[in-house]
Amino acid sequence: MITEREFLERTQLDRATLSIWIEEEWLIPDRTAHQLAFTDMDLARANLIHDLKDKMGVNDEGLGVILHLLDQMHALRRALADTLKSAREQQSSEGR
């Protein structure tokens, strides 16, 4: 896990911006005993947000839509992978 301080340093964010991103649910860190804890996935997501905003000029409303669609896509990929795994397991148990 990455501490809030380290996350701010690595992403070059200020606390106010981080607070907004968390409030908008663009980032959802773990909360542990009065502290925020971030993962490598949070770092990657922050870099994506930076790229979308700064390099591609996406506004905040568009950013929320893009992140929501990406989250849906990843959830669908996980569901499909689980379904395929179950189907393979079922096939192999029936083939015995």
PDB file of N, CA and C in Angstrom:
ATOM      1  N   MET A   1       0.830  -1.181   0.000  1.00  0.00           N
ATOM      2  CA  MET A   1       0.000   0.000   0.000  1.00  0.00           C
ATOM      3  C   MET A   1       0.880   1.252   0.000  1.00  0.00           C
ATOM      4  N   ILE A   2       0.358   2.280  -0.585  1.00  0.00           N
ATOM      5  CA  ILE A   2       1.084   3.541  -0.735  1.00  0.00           C
ATOM      6  C   ILE A   2       0.419   4.585   0.156  1.00  0.00           C
ATOM      7  N   THR A   3       1.206   5.273   0.927  1.00  0.00           N
ATOM      8  CA  THR A   3       0.652   6.299   1.812  1.00  0.00           C
ATOM      9  C   THR A   3       0.184   7.510   0.999  1.00  0.00           C
ATOM     10  N   GLU A   4      -0.646   8.311   1.617  1.00  0.00           N
ATOM     11  CA  GLU A   4      -1.138   9.520   0.935  1.00  0.00           C
ATOM     12  C   GLU A   4       0.023  10.434   0.547  1.00  0.00           C
ATOM     13  N   ARG A   5       0.940  10.614   1.437  1.00  0.00           N
ATOM     14  CA  ARG A   5       2.090  11.487   1.163  1.00  0.00           C
ATOM     15  C   ARG A   5       2.885  10.994  -0.041  1.00  0.00           C
ATOM     16  N   GLU A   6       3.175   9.699  -0.064  1.00  0.00           N
ATOM     17  CA  GLU A   6       3.924   9.129  -1.181  1.00  0.00           C
ATOM     18  C   GLU A   6       3.115   9.227  -2.481  1.00  0.00           C
ATOM     19  N   PHE A   7       1.805   9.004  -2.386  1.00  0.00           N
ATOM     20  CA  PHE A   7       0.947   9.097  -3.558  1.00  0.00           C
ATOM     21  C   PHE A   7       0.980  10.513  -4.129  1.00  0.00           C
ATOM     22  N   LEU A   8       0.894  11.503  -3.256  1.00  0.00           N
ATOM     23  CA  LEU A   8       0.941  12.901  -3.698  1.00  0.00           C
ATOM     24  C   LEU A   8       2.271  13.213  -4.379  1.00  0.00           C
ATOM     25  N   GLU A   9       3.350  12.712  -3.811  1.00  0.00           N
ATOM     26  CA  GLU A   9       4.667  12.939  -4.406  1.00  0.00           C
ATOM     27  C   GLU A   9       4.788  12.270  -5.772  1.00  0.00           C
ATOM     28  N   ARG A  10       4.353  11.019  -5.850  1.00  0.00           N
ATOM     29  CA  ARG A  10       4.512  10.262  -7.093  1.00  0.00           C
ATOM     30  C   ARG A  10       3.597  10.755  -8.210  1.00  0.00           C
ATOM     31  N   THR A  11       2.447  11.311  -7.845  1.00  0.00           N
ATOM     32  CA  THR A  11       1.510  11.795  -8.866  1.00  0.00           C
ATOM     33  C   THR A  11       1.636  13.291  -9.106  1.00  0.00           C
ATOM     34  N   GLN A  12       2.394  13.959  -8.261  1.00  0.00           N
ATOM     35  CA  GLN A  12       2.564  15.413  -8.326  1.00  0.00           C
ATOM     36  C   GLN A  12       1.229  16.149  -8.197  1.00  0.00           C
ATOM     37  N   LEU A  13       0.364  15.594  -7.360  1.00  0.00           N
ATOM     38  CA  LEU A  13      -0.921  16.236  -7.055  1.00  0.00           C
ATOM     39  C   LEU A  13      -0.800  17.043  -5.777  1.00  0.00           C
ATOM     40  N   ASP A  14      -1.673  18.019  -5.637  1.00  0.00           N
ATOM     41  CA  ASP A  14      -1.784  18.695  -4.343  1.00  0.00           C
ATOM     42  C   ASP A  14      -2.971  18.086  -3.604  1.00  0.00           C
ATOM     43  N   ARG A  15      -3.048  18.327  -2.300  1.00  0.00           N
ATOM     44  CA  ARG A  15      -4.108  17.726  -1.484  1.00  0.00           C
ATOM     45  C   ARG A  15      -5.501  18.153  -1.936  1.00  0.00           C
ATOM     46  N   ALA A  16      -5.652  19.391  -2.345  1.00  0.00           N
ATOM     47  CA  ALA A  16      -6.971  19.880  -2.768  1.00  0.00           C
ATOM     48  C   ALA A  16      -7.458  19.113  -3.997  1.00  0.00           C
ATOM     49  N   THR A  17      -6.580  18.918  -4.961  1.00  0.00           N
ATOM     50  CA  THR A  17      -6.948  18.168  -6.171  1.00  0.00           C
ATOM     51  C   THR A  17      -7.261  16.725  -5.822  1.00  0.00           C
ATOM     52  N   LEU A  18      -6.439  16.121  -4.971  1.00  0.00           N
ATOM     53  CA  LEU A  18      -6.689  14.747  -4.550  1.00  0.00           C
ATOM     54  C   LEU A  18      -8.056  14.642  -3.875  1.00  0.00           C
ATOM     55  N   SER A  19      -8.380  15.585  -3.026  1.00  0.00           N
ATOM     56  CA  SER A  19      -9.683  15.578  -2.351  1.00  0.00           C
ATOM     57  C   SER A  19     -10.831  15.636  -3.347  1.00  0.00           C
ATOM     58  N   ILE A  20     -10.682  16.456  -4.373  1.00  0.00           N
ATOM     59  CA  ILE A  20     -11.723  16.555  -5.410  1.00  0.00           C
ATOM     60  C   ILE A  20     -11.846  15.231  -6.152  1.00  0.00           C
ATOM     61  N   TRP A  21     -10.728  14.650  -6.523  1.00  0.00           N
ATOM     62  CA  TRP A  21     -10.754  13.388  -7.266  1.00  0.00           C
ATOM     63  C   TRP A  21     -11.413  12.274  -6.443  1.00  0.00           C
ATOM     64  N   ILE A  22     -11.169  12.283  -5.135  1.00  0.00           N
ATOM     65  CA  ILE A  22     -11.788  11.294  -4.253  1.00  0.00           C
ATOM     66  C   ILE A  22     -13.286  11.593  -4.110  1.00  0.00           C
ATOM     67  N   GLU A  23     -13.624  12.856  -3.955  1.00  0.00           N
ATOM     68  CA  GLU A  23     -15.028  13.255  -3.841  1.00  0.00           C
ATOM     69  C   GLU A  23     -15.811  12.873  -5.101  1.00  0.00           C
ATOM     70  N   GLU A  24     -15.188  13.035  -6.257  1.00  0.00           N
ATOM     71  CA  GLU A  24     -15.821  12.681  -7.529  1.00  0.00           C
ATOM     72  C   GLU A  24     -15.823  11.163  -7.769  1.00  0.00           C
ATOM     73  N   GLU A  25     -15.123  10.432  -6.882  1.00  0.00           N
ATOM     74  CA  GLU A  25     -14.960   8.982  -6.969  1.00  0.00           C
ATOM     75  C   GLU A  25     -14.172   8.555  -8.201  1.00  0.00           C
ATOM     76  N   TRP A  26     -13.274   9.432  -8.644  1.00  0.00           N
ATOM     77  CA  TRP A  26     -12.346   9.065  -9.703  1.00  0.00           C
ATOM     78  C   TRP A  26     -11.265   8.172  -9.121  1.00  0.00           C
ATOM     79  N   LEU A  27     -10.979   8.378  -7.848  1.00  0.00           N
ATOM     80  CA  LEU A  27     -10.075   7.520  -7.074  1.00  0.00           C
ATOM     81  C   LEU A  27     -10.827   7.100  -5.816  1.00  0.00           C
ATOM     82  N   ILE A  28     -10.684   5.834  -5.449  1.00  0.00           N
ATOM     83  CA  ILE A  28     -11.339   5.348  -4.237  1.00  0.00           C
ATOM     84  C   ILE A  28     -10.295   4.593  -3.412  1.00  0.00           C
ATOM     85  N   PRO A  29      -9.529   5.330  -2.614  1.00  0.00           N
ATOM     86  CA  PRO A  29      -8.483   4.678  -1.818  1.00  0.00           C
ATOM     87  C   PRO A  29      -9.082   3.928  -0.632  1.00  0.00           C
ATOM     88  N   ASP A  30      -8.298   3.005  -0.096  1.00  0.00           N
ATOM     89  CA  ASP A  30      -8.685   2.343   1.146  1.00  0.00           C
ATOM     90  C   ASP A  30      -8.500   3.339   2.281  1.00  0.00           C
ATOM     91  N   ARG A  31      -9.374   3.250   3.267  1.00  0.00           N
ATOM     92  CA  ARG A  31      -9.258   4.121   4.444  1.00  0.00           C
ATOM     93  C   ARG A  31      -8.904   3.248   5.636  1.00  0.00           C
ATOM     94  N   THR A  32      -7.767   3.557   6.239  1.00  0.00           N
ATOM     95  CA  THR A  32      -7.313   2.792   7.391  1.00  0.00           C
ATOM     96  C   THR A  32      -6.968   3.742   8.515  1.00  0.00           C
ATOM     97  N   ALA A  33      -7.674   3.649   9.611  1.00  0.00           N
ATOM     98  CA  ALA A  33      -7.390   4.410  10.838  1.00  0.00           C
ATOM     99  C   ALA A  33      -6.954   5.852  10.558  1.00  0.00           C
ATOM    100  N   HIS A  34      -7.832   6.630   9.975  1.00  0.00           N
ATOM    101  CA  HIS A  34      -7.599   8.051   9.720  1.00  0.00           C
ATOM    102  C   HIS A  34      -6.583   8.325   8.613  1.00  0.00           C
ATOM    103  N   GLN A  35      -6.237   7.304   7.843  1.00  0.00           N
ATOM    104  CA  GLN A  35      -5.293   7.488   6.746  1.00  0.00           C
ATOM    105  C   GLN A  35      -5.866   6.909   5.461  1.00  0.00           C
ATOM    106  N   LEU A  36      -5.393   7.455   4.358  1.00  0.00           N
ATOM    107  CA  LEU A  36      -5.740   6.912   3.061  1.00  0.00           C
ATOM    108  C   LEU A  36      -4.599   6.023   2.600  1.00  0.00           C
ATOM    109  N   ALA A  37      -4.946   4.907   1.975  1.00  0.00           N
ATOM    110  CA  ALA A  37      -3.942   3.995   1.445  1.00  0.00           C
ATOM    111  C   ALA A  37      -4.258   3.749  -0.028  1.00  0.00           C
ATOM    112  N   PHE A  38      -3.247   3.876  -0.861  1.00  0.00           N
ATOM    113  CA  PHE A  38      -3.417   3.753  -2.300  1.00  0.00           C
ATOM    114  C   PHE A  38      -2.670   2.530  -2.811  1.00  0.00           C
ATOM    115  N   THR A  39      -3.089   2.081  -3.993  1.00  0.00           N
ATOM    116  CA  THR A  39      -2.458   0.926  -4.631  1.00  0.00           C
ATOM    117  C   THR A  39      -1.765   1.378  -5.917  1.00  0.00           C
ATOM    118  N   ASP A  40      -1.053   0.445  -6.527  1.00  0.00           N
ATOM    119  CA  ASP A  40      -0.452   0.726  -7.827  1.00  0.00           C
ATOM    120  C   ASP A  40      -1.527   1.019  -8.872  1.00  0.00           C
ATOM    121  N   MET A  41      -2.683   0.381  -8.731  1.00  0.00           N
ATOM    122  CA  MET A  41      -3.802   0.663  -9.646  1.00  0.00           C
ATOM    123  C   MET A  41      -4.275   2.109  -9.495  1.00  0.00           C
ATOM    124  N   ASP A  42      -4.276   2.624  -8.271  1.00  0.00           N
ATOM    125  CA  ASP A  42      -4.639   4.024  -8.047  1.00  0.00           C
ATOM    126  C   ASP A  42      -3.632   4.954  -8.725  1.00  0.00           C
ATOM    127  N   LEU A  43      -2.355   4.584  -8.654  1.00  0.00           N
ATOM    128  CA  LEU A  43      -1.319   5.376  -9.335  1.00  0.00           C
ATOM    129  C   LEU A  43      -1.553   5.386 -10.838  1.00  0.00           C
ATOM    130  N   ALA A  44      -1.831   4.220 -11.387  1.00  0.00           N
ATOM    131  CA  ALA A  44      -2.077   4.138 -12.826  1.00  0.00           C
ATOM    132  C   ALA A  44      -3.307   4.950 -13.215  1.00  0.00           C
ATOM    133  N   ARG A  45      -4.336   4.897 -12.390  1.00  0.00           N
ATOM    134  CA  ARG A  45      -5.562   5.647 -12.670  1.00  0.00           C
ATOM    135  C   ARG A  45      -5.294   7.150 -12.586  1.00  0.00           C
ATOM    136  N   ALA A  46      -4.498   7.574 -11.616  1.00  0.00           N
ATOM    137  CA  ALA A  46      -4.153   8.998 -11.504  1.00  0.00           C
ATOM    138  C   ALA A  46      -3.378   9.457 -12.729  1.00  0.00           C
ATOM    139  N   ASN A  47      -2.473   8.614 -13.211  1.00  0.00           N
ATOM    140  CA  ASN A  47      -1.727   8.957 -14.432  1.00  0.00           C
ATOM    141  C   ASN A  47      -2.664   9.048 -15.638  1.00  0.00           C
ATOM    142  N   LEU A  48      -3.633   8.144 -15.702  1.00  0.00           N
ATOM    143  CA  LEU A  48      -4.622   8.200 -16.774  1.00  0.00           C
ATOM    144  C   LEU A  48      -5.426   9.499 -16.697  1.00  0.00           C
ATOM    145  N   ILE A  49      -5.845   9.860 -15.503  1.00  0.00           N
ATOM    146  CA  ILE A  49      -6.602  11.107 -15.317  1.00  0.00           C
ATOM    147  C   ILE A  49      -5.766  12.299 -15.769  1.00  0.00           C
ATOM    148  N   HIS A  50      -4.499  12.324 -15.367  1.00  0.00           N
ATOM    149  CA  HIS A  50      -3.589  13.394 -15.813  1.00  0.00           C
ATOM    150  C   HIS A  50      -3.541  13.462 -17.342  1.00  0.00           C
ATOM    151  N   ASP A  51      -3.343  12.315 -17.969  1.00  0.00           N
ATOM    152  CA  ASP A  51      -3.243  12.280 -19.431  1.00  0.00           C
ATOM    153  C   ASP A  51      -4.531  12.765 -20.093  1.00  0.00           C
ATOM    154  N   LEU A  52      -5.659  12.284 -19.599  1.00  0.00           N
ATOM    155  CA  LEU A  52      -6.935  12.680 -20.191  1.00  0.00           C
ATOM    156  C   LEU A  52      -7.182  14.184 -20.042  1.00  0.00           C
ATOM    157  N   LYS A  53      -6.885  14.709 -18.854  1.00  0.00           N
ATOM    158  CA  LYS A  53      -7.132  16.132 -18.602  1.00  0.00           C
ATOM    159  C   LYS A  53      -6.100  17.027 -19.291  1.00  0.00           C
ATOM    160  N   ASP A  54      -4.830  16.721 -19.077  1.00  0.00           N
ATOM    161  CA  ASP A  54      -3.770  17.629 -19.507  1.00  0.00           C
ATOM    162  C   ASP A  54      -3.358  17.444 -20.962  1.00  0.00           C
ATOM    163  N   LYS A  55      -3.261  16.208 -21.416  1.00  0.00           N
ATOM    164  CA  LYS A  55      -2.780  15.963 -22.769  1.00  0.00           C
ATOM    165  C   LYS A  55      -3.893  15.905 -23.800  1.00  0.00           C
ATOM    166  N   MET A  56      -5.076  15.470 -23.363  1.00  0.00           N
ATOM    167  CA  MET A  56      -6.173  15.304 -24.318  1.00  0.00           C
ATOM    168  C   MET A  56      -7.272  16.352 -24.155  1.00  0.00           C
ATOM    169  N   GLY A  57      -7.188  17.140 -23.088  1.00  0.00           N
ATOM    170  CA  GLY A  57      -8.134  18.230 -22.902  1.00  0.00           C
ATOM    171  C   GLY A  57      -9.542  17.811 -22.508  1.00  0.00           C
ATOM    172  N   VAL A  58      -9.684  16.632 -21.912  1.00  0.00           N
ATOM    173  CA  VAL A  58     -11.006  16.170 -21.485  1.00  0.00           C
ATOM    174  C   VAL A  58     -11.444  16.987 -20.265  1.00  0.00           C
ATOM    175  N   ASN A  59     -12.691  17.477 -20.295  1.00  0.00           N
ATOM    176  CA  ASN A  59     -13.187  18.240 -19.148  1.00  0.00           C
ATOM    177  C   ASN A  59     -13.659  17.289 -18.046  1.00  0.00           C
ATOM    178  N   ASP A  60     -13.991  17.843 -16.887  1.00  0.00           N
ATOM    179  CA  ASP A  60     -14.334  17.021 -15.729  1.00  0.00           C
ATOM    180  C   ASP A  60     -15.554  16.142 -15.978  1.00  0.00           C
ATOM    181  N   GLU A  61     -16.559  16.676 -16.627  1.00  0.00           N
ATOM    182  CA  GLU A  61     -17.763  15.887 -16.901  1.00  0.00           C
ATOM    183  C   GLU A  61     -17.437  14.715 -17.826  1.00  0.00           C
ATOM    184  N   GLY A  62     -16.673  14.981 -18.866  1.00  0.00           N
ATOM    185  CA  GLY A  62     -16.267  13.923 -19.788  1.00  0.00           C
ATOM    186  C   GLY A  62     -15.382  12.904 -19.108  1.00  0.00           C
ATOM    187  N   LEU A  63     -14.535  13.365 -18.210  1.00  0.00           N
ATOM    188  CA  LEU A  63     -13.643  12.461 -17.489  1.00  0.00           C
ATOM    189  C   LEU A  63     -14.437  11.478 -16.640  1.00  0.00           C
ATOM    190  N   GLY A  64     -15.471  11.982 -15.971  1.00  0.00           N
ATOM    191  CA  GLY A  64     -16.317  11.097 -15.180  1.00  0.00           C
ATOM    192  C   GLY A  64     -16.965  10.017 -16.027  1.00  0.00           C
ATOM    193  N   VAL A  65     -17.430  10.390 -17.211  1.00  0.00           N
ATOM    194  CA  VAL A  65     -18.051   9.428 -18.127  1.00  0.00           C
ATOM    195  C   VAL A  65     -17.025   8.396 -18.584  1.00  0.00           C
ATOM    196  N   ILE A  66     -15.855   8.852 -18.987  1.00  0.00           N
ATOM    197  CA  ILE A  66     -14.804   7.940 -19.466  1.00  0.00           C
ATOM    198  C   ILE A  66     -14.410   6.946 -18.373  1.00  0.00           C
ATOM    199  N   LEU A  67     -14.189   7.438 -17.156  1.00  0.00           N
ATOM    200  CA  LEU A  67     -13.784   6.551 -16.064  1.00  0.00           C
ATOM    201  C   LEU A  67     -14.884   5.549 -15.736  1.00  0.00           C
ATOM    202  N   HIS A  68     -16.128   5.992 -15.767  1.00  0.00           N
ATOM    203  CA  HIS A  68     -17.250   5.089 -15.500  1.00  0.00           C
ATOM    204  C   HIS A  68     -17.302   3.980 -16.563  1.00  0.00           C
ATOM    205  N   LEU A  69     -17.144   4.351 -17.823  1.00  0.00           N
ATOM    206  CA  LEU A  69     -17.161   3.354 -18.895  1.00  0.00           C
ATOM    207  C   LEU A  69     -15.979   2.386 -18.782  1.00  0.00           C
ATOM    208  N   LEU A  70     -14.815   2.893 -18.433  1.00  0.00           N
ATOM    209  CA  LEU A  70     -13.660   2.012 -18.235  1.00  0.00           C
ATOM    210  C   LEU A  70     -13.903   1.029 -17.093  1.00  0.00           C
ATOM    211  N   ASP A  71     -14.498   1.518 -16.006  1.00  0.00           N
ATOM    212  CA  ASP A  71     -14.806   0.635 -14.878  1.00  0.00           C
ATOM    213  C   ASP A  71     -15.789  -0.447 -15.293  1.00  0.00           C
ATOM    214  N   GLN A  72     -16.802  -0.077 -16.080  1.00  0.00           N
ATOM    215  CA  GLN A  72     -17.762  -1.065 -16.569  1.00  0.00           C
ATOM    216  C   GLN A  72     -17.081  -2.098 -17.464  1.00  0.00           C
ATOM    217  N   MET A  73     -16.197  -1.632 -18.330  1.00  0.00           N
ATOM    218  CA  MET A  73     -15.495  -2.537 -19.231  1.00  0.00           C
ATOM    219  C   MET A  73     -14.646  -3.539 -18.444  1.00  0.00           C
ATOM    220  N   HIS A  74     -13.937  -3.066 -17.427  1.00  0.00           N
ATOM    221  CA  HIS A  74     -13.114  -3.967 -16.621  1.00  0.00           C
ATOM    222  C   HIS A  74     -13.975  -4.965 -15.847  1.00  0.00           C
ATOM    223  N   ALA A  75     -15.122  -4.516 -15.357  1.00  0.00           N
ATOM    224  CA  ALA A  75     -16.027  -5.426 -14.655  1.00  0.00           C
ATOM    225  C   ALA A  75     -16.549  -6.501 -15.604  1.00  0.00           C
ATOM    226  N   LEU A  76     -16.867  -6.119 -16.820  1.00  0.00           N
ATOM    227  CA  LEU A  76     -17.329  -7.092 -17.805  1.00  0.00           C
ATOM    228  C   LEU A  76     -16.233  -8.090 -18.168  1.00  0.00           C
ATOM    229  N   ARG A  77     -15.005  -7.607 -18.284  1.00  0.00           N
ATOM    230  CA  ARG A  77     -13.879  -8.511 -18.578  1.00  0.00           C
ATOM    231  C   ARG A  77     -13.696  -9.530 -17.458  1.00  0.00           C
ATOM    232  N   ARG A  78     -13.798  -9.064 -16.199  1.00  0.00           N
ATOM    233  CA  ARG A  78     -13.675  -9.986 -15.059  1.00  0.00           C
ATOM    234  C   ARG A  78     -14.809 -11.012 -15.072  1.00  0.00           C
ATOM    235  N   ALA A  79     -16.035 -10.556 -15.343  1.00  0.00           N
ATOM    236  CA  ALA A  79     -17.185 -11.461 -15.378  1.00  0.00           C
ATOM    237  C   ALA A  79     -17.021 -12.494 -16.492  1.00  0.00           C
ATOM    238  N   LEU A  80     -16.548 -12.054 -17.646  1.00  0.00           N
ATOM    239  CA  LEU A  80     -16.331 -12.977 -18.755  1.00  0.00           C
ATOM    240  C   LEU A  80     -15.242 -13.988 -18.417  1.00  0.00           C
ATOM    241  N   ALA A  81     -14.167 -13.526 -17.824  1.00  0.00           N
ATOM    242  CA  ALA A  81     -13.082 -14.430 -17.431  1.00  0.00           C
ATOM    243  C   ALA A  81     -13.585 -15.460 -16.425  1.00  0.00           C
ATOM    244  N   ASP A  82     -14.389 -15.038 -15.457  1.00  0.00           N
ATOM    245  CA  ASP A  82     -14.952 -15.967 -14.470  1.00  0.00           C
ATOM    246  C   ASP A  82     -15.873 -16.979 -15.143  1.00  0.00           C
ATOM    247  N   THR A  83     -16.684 -16.520 -16.089  1.00  0.00           N
ATOM    248  CA  THR A  83     -17.597 -17.409 -16.808  1.00  0.00           C
ATOM    249  C   THR A  83     -16.819 -18.437 -17.619  1.00  0.00           C
ATOM    250  N   LEU A  84     -15.790 -17.983 -18.314  1.00  0.00           N
ATOM    251  CA  LEU A  84     -14.960 -18.904 -19.097  1.00  0.00           C
ATOM    252  C   LEU A  84     -14.261 -19.925 -18.210  1.00  0.00           C
ATOM    253  N   LYS A  85     -13.764 -19.468 -17.068  1.00  0.00           N
ATOM    254  CA  LYS A  85     -13.094 -20.375 -16.134  1.00  0.00           C
ATOM    255  C   LYS A  85     -14.074 -21.438 -15.636  1.00  0.00           C
ATOM    256  N   SER A  86     -15.279 -21.011 -15.279  1.00  0.00           N
ATOM    257  CA  SER A  86     -16.296 -21.958 -14.807  1.00  0.00           C
ATOM    258  C   SER A  86     -16.665 -22.955 -15.894  1.00  0.00           C
ATOM    259  N   ALA A  87     -16.811 -22.472 -17.119  1.00  0.00           N
ATOM    260  CA  ALA A  87     -17.160 -23.359 -18.230  1.00  0.00           C
ATOM    261  C   ALA A  87     -16.057 -24.375 -18.470  1.00  0.00           C
ATOM    262  N   ARG A  88     -14.817 -23.947 -18.407  1.00  0.00           N
ATOM    263  CA  ARG A  88     -13.679 -24.872 -18.604  1.00  0.00           C
ATOM    264  C   ARG A  88     -13.624 -25.914 -17.493  1.00  0.00           C
ATOM    265  N   GLU A  89     -13.849 -25.465 -16.258  1.00  0.00           N
ATOM    266  CA  GLU A  89     -13.842 -26.391 -15.124  1.00  0.00           C
ATOM    267  C   GLU A  89     -14.961 -27.402 -15.255  1.00  0.00           C
ATOM    268  N   GLN A  90     -16.122 -26.954 -15.694  1.00  0.00           N
ATOM    269  CA  GLN A  90     -17.252 -27.841 -15.873  1.00  0.00           C
ATOM    270  C   GLN A  90     -16.963 -28.861 -16.973  1.00  0.00           C
ATOM    271  N   GLN A  91     -16.370 -28.390 -18.074  1.00  0.00           N
ATOM    272  CA  GLN A  91     -16.021 -29.297 -19.179  1.00  0.00           C
ATOM    273  C   GLN A  91     -15.028 -30.353 -18.728  1.00  0.00           C
ATOM    274  N   SER A  92     -14.024 -29.930 -17.979  1.00  0.00           N
ATOM    275  CA  SER A  92     -13.009 -30.894 -17.566  1.00  0.00           C
ATOM    276  C   SER A  92     -13.564 -31.888 -16.548  1.00  0.00           C
ATOM    277  N   SER A  93     -14.491 -31.463 -15.703  1.00  0.00           N
ATOM    278  CA  SER A  93     -15.076 -32.405 -14.739  1.00  0.00           C
ATOM    279  C   SER A  93     -16.048 -33.360 -15.417  1.00  0.00           C
ATOM    280  N   GLU A  94     -16.707 -32.918 -16.474  1.00  0.00           N
ATOM    281  CA  GLU A  94     -17.612 -33.795 -17.224  1.00  0.00           C
ATOM    282  C   GLU A  94     -16.837 -34.769 -18.095  1.00  0.00           C
ATOM    283  N   GLY A  95     -15.653 -34.390 -18.500  1.00  0.00           N
ATOM    284  CA  GLY A  95     -14.838 -35.240 -19.373  1.00  0.00           C
ATOM    285  C   GLY A  95     -14.155 -36.360 -18.641  1.00  0.00           C
ATOM    286  N   ARG A  96     -14.230 -36.390 -17.356  1.00  0.00           N
ATOM    287  CA  ARG A  96     -13.545 -37.426 -16.563  1.00  0.00           C
ATOM    288  C   ARG A  96     -14.325 -38.692 -16.511  1.00  0.00           C
TER     289      ARG A  96
END
